[in-house]
Amino acid sequence: MPARLLWKLSGLALTLSLVLAPVAEAHNDGRGFYGTTNDKVITNAGFILIVFFPLFIFTMSMLQKALDKRKEARKAAAKAYLGNTQWRGGW
């Protein structure tokens, strides 16, 4: 693609985004997706975040622990299999 065409397309995209950006969120007077908020809504959202992050960290830690346990068991089984030469076939 020629560089001149690339510059023209980039300029057009920038111009369109600057022109259309104010129109994109003008349908609800800037209130956002939820609508009008008050102190109770903000406080409840904060409490939800306070509860969510420790639960998420705990859940992911337990998942990682279980996966590490499986990995170590798989490594031990592979080591035990390679260590028993009398049970391996061949000459």
PDB file of N, CA and C in Angstrom:
ATOM      1  N   MET A   1       0.856  -1.163   0.000  1.00  0.00           N
ATOM      2  CA  MET A   1       0.000   0.000   0.000  1.00  0.00           C
ATOM      3  C   MET A   1       0.905   1.231   0.000  1.00  0.00           C
ATOM      4  N   PRO A   2       0.679   2.132  -0.905  1.00  0.00           N
ATOM      5  CA  PRO A   2       1.525   3.331  -0.956  1.00  0.00           C
ATOM      6  C   PRO A   2       1.392   4.160   0.322  1.00  0.00           C
ATOM      7  N   ALA A   3       2.487   4.818   0.663  1.00  0.00           N
ATOM      8  CA  ALA A   3       2.518   5.601   1.894  1.00  0.00           C
ATOM      9  C   ALA A   3       1.556   6.777   1.835  1.00  0.00           C
ATOM     10  N   ARG A   4       1.383   7.354   0.658  1.00  0.00           N
ATOM     11  CA  ARG A   4       0.492   8.500   0.507  1.00  0.00           C
ATOM     12  C   ARG A   4      -0.951   8.110   0.822  1.00  0.00           C
ATOM     13  N   LEU A   5      -1.375   6.934   0.339  1.00  0.00           N
ATOM     14  CA  LEU A   5      -2.734   6.462   0.604  1.00  0.00           C
ATOM     15  C   LEU A   5      -2.920   6.160   2.098  1.00  0.00           C
ATOM     16  N   LEU A   6      -1.890   5.607   2.701  1.00  0.00           N
ATOM     17  CA  LEU A   6      -1.946   5.306   4.129  1.00  0.00           C
ATOM     18  C   LEU A   6      -2.115   6.584   4.949  1.00  0.00           C
ATOM     19  N   TRP A   7      -1.383   7.641   4.589  1.00  0.00           N
ATOM     20  CA  TRP A   7      -1.507   8.918   5.297  1.00  0.00           C
ATOM     21  C   TRP A   7      -2.891   9.515   5.108  1.00  0.00           C
ATOM     22  N   LYS A   8      -3.453   9.374   3.910  1.00  0.00           N
ATOM     23  CA  LYS A   8      -4.790   9.920   3.658  1.00  0.00           C
ATOM     24  C   LYS A   8      -5.842   9.175   4.471  1.00  0.00           C
ATOM     25  N   LEU A   9      -5.720   7.847   4.501  1.00  0.00           N
ATOM     26  CA  LEU A   9      -6.682   7.055   5.276  1.00  0.00           C
ATOM     27  C   LEU A   9      -6.551   7.341   6.777  1.00  0.00           C
ATOM     28  N   SER A  10      -5.322   7.505   7.255  1.00  0.00           N
ATOM     29  CA  SER A  10      -5.121   7.821   8.671  1.00  0.00           C
ATOM     30  C   SER A  10      -5.720   9.178   9.016  1.00  0.00           C
ATOM     31  N   GLY A  11      -5.513  10.150   8.146  1.00  0.00           N
ATOM     32  CA  GLY A  11      -6.094  11.478   8.373  1.00  0.00           C
ATOM     33  C   GLY A  11      -7.601  11.446   8.353  1.00  0.00           C
ATOM     34  N   LEU A  12      -8.176  10.673   7.435  1.00  0.00           N
ATOM     35  CA  LEU A  12      -9.629  10.549   7.361  1.00  0.00           C
ATOM     36  C   LEU A  12     -10.187   9.887   8.621  1.00  0.00           C
ATOM     37  N   ALA A  13      -9.516   8.832   9.091  1.00  0.00           N
ATOM     38  CA  ALA A  13      -9.978   8.148  10.304  1.00  0.00           C
ATOM     39  C   ALA A  13      -9.896   9.060  11.518  1.00  0.00           C
ATOM     40  N   LEU A  14      -8.824   9.817  11.629  1.00  0.00           N
ATOM     41  CA  LEU A  14      -8.683  10.739  12.747  1.00  0.00           C
ATOM     42  C   LEU A  14      -9.754  11.825  12.708  1.00  0.00           C
ATOM     43  N   THR A  15      -9.994  12.371  11.527  1.00  0.00           N
ATOM     44  CA  THR A  15     -11.004  13.415  11.388  1.00  0.00           C
ATOM     45  C   THR A  15     -12.395  12.887  11.732  1.00  0.00           C
ATOM     46  N   LEU A  16     -12.729  11.711  11.227  1.00  0.00           N
ATOM     47  CA  LEU A  16     -14.050  11.135  11.530  1.00  0.00           C
ATOM     48  C   LEU A  16     -14.213  10.842  13.015  1.00  0.00           C
ATOM     49  N   SER A  17     -13.168  10.332  13.653  1.00  0.00           N
ATOM     50  CA  SER A  17     -13.296  10.035  15.081  1.00  0.00           C
ATOM     51  C   SER A  17     -13.434  11.311  15.903  1.00  0.00           C
ATOM     52  N   LEU A  18     -12.749  12.383  15.515  1.00  0.00           N
ATOM     53  CA  LEU A  18     -12.885  13.633  16.251  1.00  0.00           C
ATOM     54  C   LEU A  18     -14.241  14.287  16.027  1.00  0.00           C
ATOM     55  N   VAL A  19     -14.788  14.118  14.839  1.00  0.00           N
ATOM     56  CA  VAL A  19     -16.086  14.727  14.534  1.00  0.00           C
ATOM     57  C   VAL A  19     -17.223  13.943  15.178  1.00  0.00           C
ATOM     58  N   LEU A  20     -17.119  12.616  15.163  1.00  0.00           N
ATOM     59  CA  LEU A  20     -18.227  11.784  15.641  1.00  0.00           C
ATOM     60  C   LEU A  20     -18.160  11.446  17.134  1.00  0.00           C
ATOM     61  N   ALA A  21     -17.071  11.730  17.809  1.00  0.00           N
ATOM     62  CA  ALA A  21     -16.937  11.370  19.224  1.00  0.00           C
ATOM     63  C   ALA A  21     -17.979  12.043  20.108  1.00  0.00           C
ATOM     64  N   PRO A  22     -18.261  13.343  19.965  1.00  0.00           N
ATOM     65  CA  PRO A  22     -19.269  13.941  20.845  1.00  0.00           C
ATOM     66  C   PRO A  22     -20.668  13.379  20.628  1.00  0.00           C
ATOM     67  N   VAL A  23     -20.956  12.940  19.423  1.00  0.00           N
ATOM     68  CA  VAL A  23     -22.276  12.423  19.117  1.00  0.00           C
ATOM     69  C   VAL A  23     -22.475  11.031  19.714  1.00  0.00           C
ATOM     70  N   ALA A  24     -21.380  10.293  19.911  1.00  0.00           N
ATOM     71  CA  ALA A  24     -21.479   8.901  20.345  1.00  0.00           C
ATOM     72  C   ALA A  24     -22.129   8.769  21.719  1.00  0.00           C
ATOM     73  N   GLU A  25     -21.866   9.663  22.639  1.00  0.00           N
ATOM     74  CA  GLU A  25     -22.398   9.560  23.997  1.00  0.00           C
ATOM     75  C   GLU A  25     -23.455  10.611  24.297  1.00  0.00           C
ATOM     76  N   ALA A  26     -23.982  11.255  23.287  1.00  0.00           N
ATOM     77  CA  ALA A  26     -24.950  12.324  23.519  1.00  0.00           C
ATOM     78  C   ALA A  26     -26.375  11.806  23.703  1.00  0.00           C
ATOM     79  N   HIS A  27     -26.605  10.531  23.515  1.00  0.00           N
ATOM     80  CA  HIS A  27     -27.970  10.018  23.586  1.00  0.00           C
ATOM     81  C   HIS A  27     -28.531   9.955  25.001  1.00  0.00           C
ATOM     82  N   ASN A  28     -27.672   9.955  26.033  1.00  0.00           N
ATOM     83  CA  ASN A  28     -28.198   9.854  27.402  1.00  0.00           C
ATOM     84  C   ASN A  28     -27.717  10.993  28.295  1.00  0.00           C
ATOM     85  N   ASP A  29     -27.384  12.105  27.740  1.00  0.00           N
ATOM     86  CA  ASP A  29     -26.970  13.302  28.488  1.00  0.00           C
ATOM     87  C   ASP A  29     -25.760  13.064  29.380  1.00  0.00           C
ATOM     88  N   GLY A  30     -24.893  12.129  29.002  1.00  0.00           N
ATOM     89  CA  GLY A  30     -23.664  11.899  29.751  1.00  0.00           C
ATOM     90  C   GLY A  30     -23.830  11.146  31.053  1.00  0.00           C
ATOM     91  N   ARG A  31     -24.942  10.447  31.254  1.00  0.00           N
ATOM     92  CA  ARG A  31     -25.171   9.726  32.514  1.00  0.00           C
ATOM     93  C   ARG A  31     -24.521   8.362  32.535  1.00  0.00           C
ATOM     94  N   GLY A  32     -24.068   7.852  31.409  1.00  0.00           N
ATOM     95  CA  GLY A  32     -23.463   6.530  31.373  1.00  0.00           C
ATOM     96  C   GLY A  32     -24.504   5.447  31.134  1.00  0.00           C
ATOM     97  N   PHE A  33     -24.082   4.213  31.255  1.00  0.00           N
ATOM     98  CA  PHE A  33     -24.969   3.079  30.971  1.00  0.00           C
ATOM     99  C   PHE A  33     -25.980   2.835  32.083  1.00  0.00           C
ATOM    100  N   TYR A  34     -25.590   3.107  33.318  1.00  0.00           N
ATOM    101  CA  TYR A  34     -26.448   2.802  34.457  1.00  0.00           C
ATOM    102  C   TYR A  34     -27.583   3.800  34.601  1.00  0.00           C
ATOM    103  N   GLY A  35     -27.354   5.011  34.243  1.00  0.00           N
ATOM    104  CA  GLY A  35     -28.346   6.059  34.449  1.00  0.00           C
ATOM    105  C   GLY A  35     -27.880   6.991  35.546  1.00  0.00           C
ATOM    106  N   THR A  36     -28.813   7.671  36.155  1.00  0.00           N
ATOM    107  CA  THR A  36     -28.421   8.593  37.221  1.00  0.00           C
ATOM    108  C   THR A  36     -27.959   7.814  38.439  1.00  0.00           C
ATOM    109  N   THR A  37     -26.948   8.313  39.109  1.00  0.00           N
ATOM    110  CA  THR A  37     -26.412   7.633  40.288  1.00  0.00           C
ATOM    111  C   THR A  37     -26.495   8.559  41.486  1.00  0.00           C
ATOM    112  N   ASN A  38     -26.497   7.955  42.638  1.00  0.00           N
ATOM    113  CA  ASN A  38     -26.468   8.716  43.875  1.00  0.00           C
ATOM    114  C   ASN A  38     -25.427   8.084  44.799  1.00  0.00           C
ATOM    115  N   ASP A  39     -25.333   8.545  46.020  1.00  0.00           N
ATOM    116  CA  ASP A  39     -24.313   8.051  46.937  1.00  0.00           C
ATOM    117  C   ASP A  39     -24.486   6.564  47.258  1.00  0.00           C
ATOM    118  N   LYS A  40     -25.716   6.120  47.357  1.00  0.00           N
ATOM    119  CA  LYS A  40     -25.968   4.714  47.688  1.00  0.00           C
ATOM    120  C   LYS A  40     -25.462   3.795  46.587  1.00  0.00           C
ATOM    121  N   VAL A  41     -25.681   4.181  45.339  1.00  0.00           N
ATOM    122  CA  VAL A  41     -25.223   3.361  44.213  1.00  0.00           C
ATOM    123  C   VAL A  41     -23.704   3.284  44.197  1.00  0.00           C
ATOM    124  N   ILE A  42     -23.039   4.398  44.410  1.00  0.00           N
ATOM    125  CA  ILE A  42     -21.576   4.427  44.414  1.00  0.00           C
ATOM    126  C   ILE A  42     -21.024   3.603  45.576  1.00  0.00           C
ATOM    127  N   THR A  43     -21.642   3.714  46.755  1.00  0.00           N
ATOM    128  CA  THR A  43     -21.190   2.952  47.921  1.00  0.00           C
ATOM    129  C   THR A  43     -21.356   1.457  47.686  1.00  0.00           C
ATOM    130  N   ASN A  44     -22.487   1.049  47.140  1.00  0.00           N
ATOM    131  CA  ASN A  44     -22.705  -0.376  46.860  1.00  0.00           C
ATOM    132  C   ASN A  44     -21.715  -0.897  45.824  1.00  0.00           C
ATOM    133  N   ALA A  45     -21.416  -0.094  44.817  1.00  0.00           N
ATOM    134  CA  ALA A  45     -20.424  -0.510  43.818  1.00  0.00           C
ATOM    135  C   ALA A  45     -19.054  -0.670  44.471  1.00  0.00           C
ATOM    136  N   GLY A  46     -18.713   0.215  45.392  1.00  0.00           N
ATOM    137  CA  GLY A  46     -17.445   0.083  46.114  1.00  0.00           C
ATOM    138  C   GLY A  46     -17.397  -1.172  46.958  1.00  0.00           C
ATOM    139  N   PHE A  47     -18.491  -1.480  47.649  1.00  0.00           N
ATOM    140  CA  PHE A  47     -18.536  -2.702  48.451  1.00  0.00           C
ATOM    141  C   PHE A  47     -18.431  -3.951  47.568  1.00  0.00           C
ATOM    142  N   ILE A  48     -19.050  -3.910  46.414  1.00  0.00           N
ATOM    143  CA  ILE A  48     -18.946  -5.043  45.487  1.00  0.00           C
ATOM    144  C   ILE A  48     -17.496  -5.247  45.078  1.00  0.00           C
ATOM    145  N   LEU A  49     -16.786  -4.167  44.803  1.00  0.00           N
ATOM    146  CA  LEU A  49     -15.372  -4.281  44.441  1.00  0.00           C
ATOM    147  C   LEU A  49     -14.537  -4.800  45.601  1.00  0.00           C
ATOM    148  N   ILE A  50     -14.849  -4.342  46.813  1.00  0.00           N
ATOM    149  CA  ILE A  50     -14.109  -4.792  47.989  1.00  0.00           C
ATOM    150  C   ILE A  50     -14.281  -6.298  48.185  1.00  0.00           C
ATOM    151  N   VAL A  51     -15.442  -6.822  47.918  1.00  0.00           N
ATOM    152  CA  VAL A  51     -15.695  -8.261  48.064  1.00  0.00           C
ATOM    153  C   VAL A  51     -15.146  -9.033  46.873  1.00  0.00           C
ATOM    154  N   PHE A  52     -15.249  -8.477  45.669  1.00  0.00           N
ATOM    155  CA  PHE A  52     -14.870  -9.204  44.460  1.00  0.00           C
ATOM    156  C   PHE A  52     -13.386  -9.521  44.408  1.00  0.00           C
ATOM    157  N   PHE A  53     -12.530  -8.545  44.663  1.00  0.00           N
ATOM    158  CA  PHE A  53     -11.104  -8.769  44.452  1.00  0.00           C
ATOM    159  C   PHE A  53     -10.504  -9.812  45.385  1.00  0.00           C
ATOM    160  N   PRO A  54     -10.791  -9.816  46.679  1.00  0.00           N
ATOM    161  CA  PRO A  54     -10.263 -10.921  47.496  1.00  0.00           C
ATOM    162  C   PRO A  54     -10.812 -12.288  47.079  1.00  0.00           C
ATOM    163  N   LEU A  55     -12.089 -12.348  46.720  1.00  0.00           N
ATOM    164  CA  LEU A  55     -12.636 -13.632  46.263  1.00  0.00           C
ATOM    165  C   LEU A  55     -11.992 -14.087  44.965  1.00  0.00           C
ATOM    166  N   PHE A  56     -11.741 -13.162  44.064  1.00  0.00           N
ATOM    167  CA  PHE A  56     -11.084 -13.496  42.805  1.00  0.00           C
ATOM    168  C   PHE A  56      -9.662 -13.997  43.052  1.00  0.00           C
ATOM    169  N   ILE A  57      -8.929 -13.317  43.921  1.00  0.00           N
ATOM    170  CA  ILE A  57      -7.562 -13.738  44.224  1.00  0.00           C
ATOM    171  C   ILE A  57      -7.554 -15.105  44.890  1.00  0.00           C
ATOM    172  N   PHE A  58      -8.473 -15.335  45.824  1.00  0.00           N
ATOM    173  CA  PHE A  58      -8.553 -16.639  46.492  1.00  0.00           C
ATOM    174  C   PHE A  58      -8.880 -17.746  45.499  1.00  0.00           C
ATOM    175  N   THR A  59      -9.855 -17.493  44.617  1.00  0.00           N
ATOM    176  CA  THR A  59     -10.257 -18.498  43.632  1.00  0.00           C
ATOM    177  C   THR A  59      -9.113 -18.832  42.681  1.00  0.00           C
ATOM    178  N   MET A  60      -8.451 -17.818  42.192  1.00  0.00           N
ATOM    179  CA  MET A  60      -7.345 -18.058  41.265  1.00  0.00           C
ATOM    180  C   MET A  60      -6.171 -18.750  41.959  1.00  0.00           C
ATOM    181  N   SER A  61      -5.936 -18.450  43.235  1.00  0.00           N
ATOM    182  CA  SER A  61      -4.873 -19.115  43.984  1.00  0.00           C
ATOM    183  C   SER A  61      -5.190 -20.593  44.179  1.00  0.00           C
ATOM    184  N   MET A  62      -6.439 -20.908  44.492  1.00  0.00           N
ATOM    185  CA  MET A  62      -6.816 -22.315  44.652  1.00  0.00           C
ATOM    186  C   MET A  62      -6.722 -23.074  43.325  1.00  0.00           C
ATOM    187  N   LEU A  63      -7.085 -22.417  42.249  1.00  0.00           N
ATOM    188  CA  LEU A  63      -6.962 -23.034  40.926  1.00  0.00           C
ATOM    189  C   LEU A  63      -5.499 -23.293  40.600  1.00  0.00           C
ATOM    190  N   GLN A  64      -4.634 -22.338  40.876  1.00  0.00           N
ATOM    191  CA  GLN A  64      -3.212 -22.518  40.608  1.00  0.00           C
ATOM    192  C   GLN A  64      -2.632 -23.634  41.474  1.00  0.00           C
ATOM    193  N   LYS A  65      -3.069 -23.716  42.720  1.00  0.00           N
ATOM    194  CA  LYS A  65      -2.593 -24.782  43.609  1.00  0.00           C
ATOM    195  C   LYS A  65      -2.982 -26.152  43.063  1.00  0.00           C
ATOM    196  N   ALA A  66      -4.222 -26.277  42.592  1.00  0.00           N
ATOM    197  CA  ALA A  66      -4.677 -27.559  42.051  1.00  0.00           C
ATOM    198  C   ALA A  66      -3.910 -27.923  40.777  1.00  0.00           C
ATOM    199  N   LEU A  67      -3.673 -26.929  39.931  1.00  0.00           N
ATOM    200  CA  LEU A  67      -2.933 -27.211  38.699  1.00  0.00           C
ATOM    201  C   LEU A  67      -1.473 -27.559  38.992  1.00  0.00           C
ATOM    202  N   ASP A  68      -0.863 -26.911  39.965  1.00  0.00           N
ATOM    203  CA  ASP A  68       0.511 -27.252  40.340  1.00  0.00           C
ATOM    204  C   ASP A  68       0.588 -28.660  40.917  1.00  0.00           C
ATOM    205  N   LYS A  69      -0.423 -29.035  41.693  1.00  0.00           N
ATOM    206  CA  LYS A  69      -0.457 -30.386  42.258  1.00  0.00           C
ATOM    207  C   LYS A  69      -0.538 -31.437  41.153  1.00  0.00           C
ATOM    208  N   ARG A  70      -1.367 -31.178  40.145  1.00  0.00           N
ATOM    209  CA  ARG A  70      -1.466 -32.096  39.007  1.00  0.00           C
ATOM    210  C   ARG A  70      -0.156 -32.173  38.243  1.00  0.00           C
ATOM    211  N   LYS A  71       0.492 -31.026  38.062  1.00  0.00           N
ATOM    212  CA  LYS A  71       1.755 -30.995  37.331  1.00  0.00           C
ATOM    213  C   LYS A  71       2.822 -31.801  38.063  1.00  0.00           C
ATOM    214  N   GLU A  72       2.907 -31.623  39.386  1.00  0.00           N
ATOM    215  CA  GLU A  72       3.902 -32.367  40.157  1.00  0.00           C
ATOM    216  C   GLU A  72       3.613 -33.868  40.124  1.00  0.00           C
ATOM    217  N   ALA A  73       2.345 -34.255  40.169  1.00  0.00           N
ATOM    218  CA  ALA A  73       1.996 -35.671  40.092  1.00  0.00           C
ATOM    219  C   ALA A  73       2.365 -36.242  38.732  1.00  0.00           C
ATOM    220  N   ARG A  74       2.142 -35.473  37.683  1.00  0.00           N
ATOM    221  CA  ARG A  74       2.493 -35.931  36.340  1.00  0.00           C
ATOM    222  C   ARG A  74       4.010 -36.077  36.191  1.00  0.00           C
ATOM    223  N   LYS A  75       4.772 -35.134  36.758  1.00  0.00           N
ATOM    224  CA  LYS A  75       6.232 -35.222  36.696  1.00  0.00           C
ATOM    225  C   LYS A  75       6.745 -36.420  37.499  1.00  0.00           C
ATOM    226  N   ALA A  76       6.132 -36.684  38.665  1.00  0.00           N
ATOM    227  CA  ALA A  76       6.546 -37.825  39.482  1.00  0.00           C
ATOM    228  C   ALA A  76       6.234 -39.136  38.775  1.00  0.00           C
ATOM    229  N   ALA A  77       5.090 -39.188  38.091  1.00  0.00           N
ATOM    230  CA  ALA A  77       4.734 -40.409  37.366  1.00  0.00           C
ATOM    231  C   ALA A  77       5.692 -40.642  36.209  1.00  0.00           C
ATOM    232  N   ALA A  78       6.066 -39.586  35.510  1.00  0.00           N
ATOM    233  CA  ALA A  78       7.011 -39.738  34.398  1.00  0.00           C
ATOM    234  C   ALA A  78       8.378 -40.171  34.911  1.00  0.00           C
ATOM    235  N   LYS A  79       8.803 -39.631  36.051  1.00  0.00           N
ATOM    236  CA  LYS A  79      10.092 -40.010  36.629  1.00  0.00           C
ATOM    237  C   LYS A  79      10.063 -41.465  37.096  1.00  0.00           C
ATOM    238  N   ALA A  80       8.947 -41.889  37.695  1.00  0.00           N
ATOM    239  CA  ALA A  80       8.825 -43.270  38.156  1.00  0.00           C
ATOM    240  C   ALA A  80       8.803 -44.226  36.967  1.00  0.00           C
ATOM    241  N   TYR A  81       8.182 -43.835  35.883  1.00  0.00           N
ATOM    242  CA  TYR A  81       8.115 -44.687  34.700  1.00  0.00           C
ATOM    243  C   TYR A  81       9.497 -44.860  34.088  1.00  0.00           C
ATOM    244  N   LEU A  82      10.252 -43.795  34.006  1.00  0.00           N
ATOM    245  CA  LEU A  82      11.587 -43.881  33.419  1.00  0.00           C
ATOM    246  C   LEU A  82      12.581 -44.554  34.358  1.00  0.00           C
ATOM    247  N   GLY A  83      12.284 -44.549  35.651  1.00  0.00           N
ATOM    248  CA  GLY A  83      13.194 -45.144  36.618  1.00  0.00           C
ATOM    249  C   GLY A  83      13.090 -46.658  36.705  1.00  0.00           C
ATOM    250  N   ASN A  84      11.964 -47.245  36.329  1.00  0.00           N
ATOM    251  CA  ASN A  84      11.773 -48.691  36.411  1.00  0.00           C
ATOM    252  C   ASN A  84      12.222 -49.331  35.113  1.00  0.00           C
ATOM    253  N   THR A  85      13.529 -49.613  35.013  1.00  0.00           N
ATOM    254  CA  THR A  85      14.041 -50.169  33.749  1.00  0.00           C
ATOM    255  C   THR A  85      13.706 -51.646  33.604  1.00  0.00           C
ATOM    256  N   GLN A  86      13.467 -52.364  34.685  1.00  0.00           N
ATOM    257  CA  GLN A  86      13.171 -53.780  34.541  1.00  0.00           C
ATOM    258  C   GLN A  86      11.794 -54.011  33.915  1.00  0.00           C
ATOM    259  N   TRP A  87      10.916 -53.042  33.938  1.00  0.00           N
ATOM    260  CA  TRP A  87       9.585 -53.194  33.367  1.00  0.00           C
ATOM    261  C   TRP A  87       9.507 -52.648  31.943  1.00  0.00           C
ATOM    262  N   ARG A  88      10.584 -52.060  31.463  1.00  0.00           N
ATOM    263  CA  ARG A  88      10.556 -51.529  30.117  1.00  0.00           C
ATOM    264  C   ARG A  88      10.874 -52.630  29.122  1.00  0.00           C
ATOM    265  N   GLY A  89      10.233 -52.569  27.978  1.00  0.00           N
ATOM    266  CA  GLY A  89      10.445 -53.570  26.945  1.00  0.00           C
ATOM    267  C   GLY A  89      11.729 -53.307  26.164  1.00  0.00           C
ATOM    268  N   GLY A  90      12.045 -54.204  25.286  1.00  0.00           N
ATOM    269  CA  GLY A  90      13.215 -54.030  24.440  1.00  0.00           C
ATOM    270  C   GLY A  90      14.278 -55.041  24.791  1.00  0.00           C
ATOM    271  N   TRP A  91      15.389 -54.957  24.161  1.00  0.00           N
ATOM    272  CA  TRP A  91      16.482 -55.907  24.343  1.00  0.00           C
ATOM    273  C   TRP A  91      17.353 -55.391  25.398  1.00  0.00           C
TER     274      TRP A  91
END
